[in-house]
C-alpha atoms as a PDB file:
ATOM      1  CA  MET A   1       0.000   0.000   0.000  1.00  0.00           C
ATOM      2  CA  THR A   2       1.453   3.355  -1.017  1.00  0.00           C
ATOM      3  CA  GLY A   3       1.589   6.489   1.060  1.00  0.00           C
ATOM      4  CA  ARG A   4      -0.931   8.183  -1.222  1.00  0.00           C
ATOM      5  CA  THR A   5      -3.417   5.389  -0.633  1.00  0.00           C
ATOM      6  CA  LEU A   6      -3.010   5.721   3.125  1.00  0.00           C
ATOM      7  CA  VAL A   7      -3.602   9.461   2.934  1.00  0.00           C
ATOM      8  CA  LEU A   8      -6.752   8.961   0.869  1.00  0.00           C
ATOM      9  CA  ILE A   9      -8.026   6.351   3.313  1.00  0.00           C
ATOM     10  CA  GLY A  10      -7.304   8.763   6.168  1.00  0.00           C
ATOM     11  CA  PHE A  11      -9.235  11.591   4.505  1.00  0.00           C
ATOM     12  CA  ALA A  12     -12.130   9.231   3.773  1.00  0.00           C
ATOM     13  CA  ALA A  13     -12.154   8.142   7.424  1.00  0.00           C
ATOM     14  CA  LEU A  14     -12.207  11.799   8.543  1.00  0.00           C
ATOM     15  CA  ALA A  15     -15.080  12.556   6.174  1.00  0.00           C
ATOM     16  CA  ILE A  16     -17.067   9.572   7.451  1.00  0.00           C
ATOM     17  CA  ALA A  17     -16.357  10.579  11.061  1.00  0.00           C
ATOM     18  CA  GLY A  18     -17.556  14.104  10.299  1.00  0.00           C
ATOM     19  CA  VAL A  19     -20.786  12.861   8.748  1.00  0.00           C
ATOM     20  CA  LEU A  20     -21.394  10.534  11.691  1.00  0.00           C
ATOM     21  CA  ALA A  21     -20.722  13.356  14.169  1.00  0.00           C
ATOM     22  CA  GLU A  22     -23.184  15.615  12.337  1.00  0.00           C
ATOM     23  CA  LEU A  23     -25.844  12.906  12.268  1.00  0.00           C
ATOM     24  CA  THR A  24     -25.333  12.251  15.981  1.00  0.00           C
ATOM     25  CA  ALA A  25     -25.633  15.972  16.729  1.00  0.00           C
ATOM     26  CA  ARG A  26     -28.866  16.195  14.765  1.00  0.00           C
ATOM     27  CA  ARG A  27     -30.266  13.130  16.504  1.00  0.00           C
ATOM     28  CA  HIS A  28     -29.386  14.406  20.010  1.00  0.00           C
ATOM     29  CA  PRO A  29     -29.568  18.223  19.771  1.00  0.00           C
ATOM     30  CA  GLN A  30     -29.767  18.649  23.545  1.00  0.00           C
ATOM     31  CA  ARG A  31     -26.343  17.006  24.034  1.00  0.00           C
ATOM     32  CA  PHE A  32     -24.309  18.000  20.941  1.00  0.00           C
ATOM     33  CA  THR A  33     -24.071  20.988  18.622  1.00  0.00           C
ATOM     34  CA  THR A  34     -24.079  20.663  14.852  1.00  0.00           C
ATOM     35  CA  LEU A  35     -21.191  21.882  12.730  1.00  0.00           C
ATOM     36  CA  GLY A  36     -23.182  24.940  11.691  1.00  0.00           C
ATOM     37  CA  GLU A  37     -23.977  25.847  15.304  1.00  0.00           C
ATOM     38  CA  THR A  38     -20.344  25.380  16.284  1.00  0.00           C
ATOM     39  CA  LEU A  39     -19.132  27.631  13.465  1.00  0.00           C
ATOM     40  CA  HIS A  40     -21.762  30.209  14.426  1.00  0.00           C
ATOM     41  CA  LEU A  41     -20.447  30.209  18.003  1.00  0.00           C
ATOM     42  CA  LEU A  42     -16.870  30.606  16.732  1.00  0.00           C
ATOM     43  CA  GLN A  43     -17.888  33.657  14.692  1.00  0.00           C
ATOM     44  CA  ARG A  44     -19.464  35.567  17.575  1.00  0.00           C
ATOM     45  CA  SER A  45     -16.407  37.596  18.517  1.00  0.00           C
ATOM     46  CA  ARG A  46     -13.596  39.080  16.476  1.00  0.00           C
ATOM     47  CA  MET A  47     -10.898  37.231  18.421  1.00  0.00           C
ATOM     48  CA  LEU A  48     -12.547  33.865  17.810  1.00  0.00           C
ATOM     49  CA  ARG A  49     -12.914  34.663  14.092  1.00  0.00           C
ATOM     50  CA  ILE A  50      -9.200  35.459  13.855  1.00  0.00           C
ATOM     51  CA  LEU A  51      -8.308  32.326  15.820  1.00  0.00           C
ATOM     52  CA  THR A  52     -10.545  30.214  13.563  1.00  0.00           C
ATOM     53  CA  ILE A  53      -8.836  31.564  10.441  1.00  0.00           C
ATOM     54  CA  LEU A  54      -5.362  30.999  11.911  1.00  0.00           C
ATOM     55  CA  VAL A  55      -6.162  27.408  12.917  1.00  0.00           C
ATOM     56  CA  TRP A  56      -7.702  26.731   9.498  1.00  0.00           C
ATOM     57  CA  ALA A  57      -4.619  28.162   7.760  1.00  0.00           C
ATOM     58  CA  TRP A  58      -2.277  26.140   9.980  1.00  0.00           C
ATOM     59  CA  LEU A  59      -4.161  22.917   9.250  1.00  0.00           C
ATOM     60  CA  GLY A  60      -4.148  23.640   5.536  1.00  0.00           C
ATOM     61  CA  TRP A  61      -0.450  24.446   5.505  1.00  0.00           C
ATOM     62  CA  HIS A  62       0.581  21.360   7.466  1.00  0.00           C
ATOM     63  CA  PHE A  63      -1.760  18.761   6.008  1.00  0.00           C
ATOM     64  CA  LEU A  64      -2.656  19.923   2.502  1.00  0.00           C
ATOM     65  CA  ALA A  65       0.491  21.667   1.218  1.00  0.00           C
ATOM     66  CA  ARG A  66       2.872  19.525  -0.768  1.00  0.00           C
END
């Protein structure tokens, strides 16, 4: 198995985990927040917006850049 295949399997596993987390949040709204609600909470203040952008950029740089 090549490294590329492992990376693709990893991304597929993350996508499936994200879908399952969203479905769980929609099934139990009193216990979990959906992705949309979480992003809305992160956008409430300027500092959290800046932090969100910096974390997103860091993740992109470290995991998606070649």
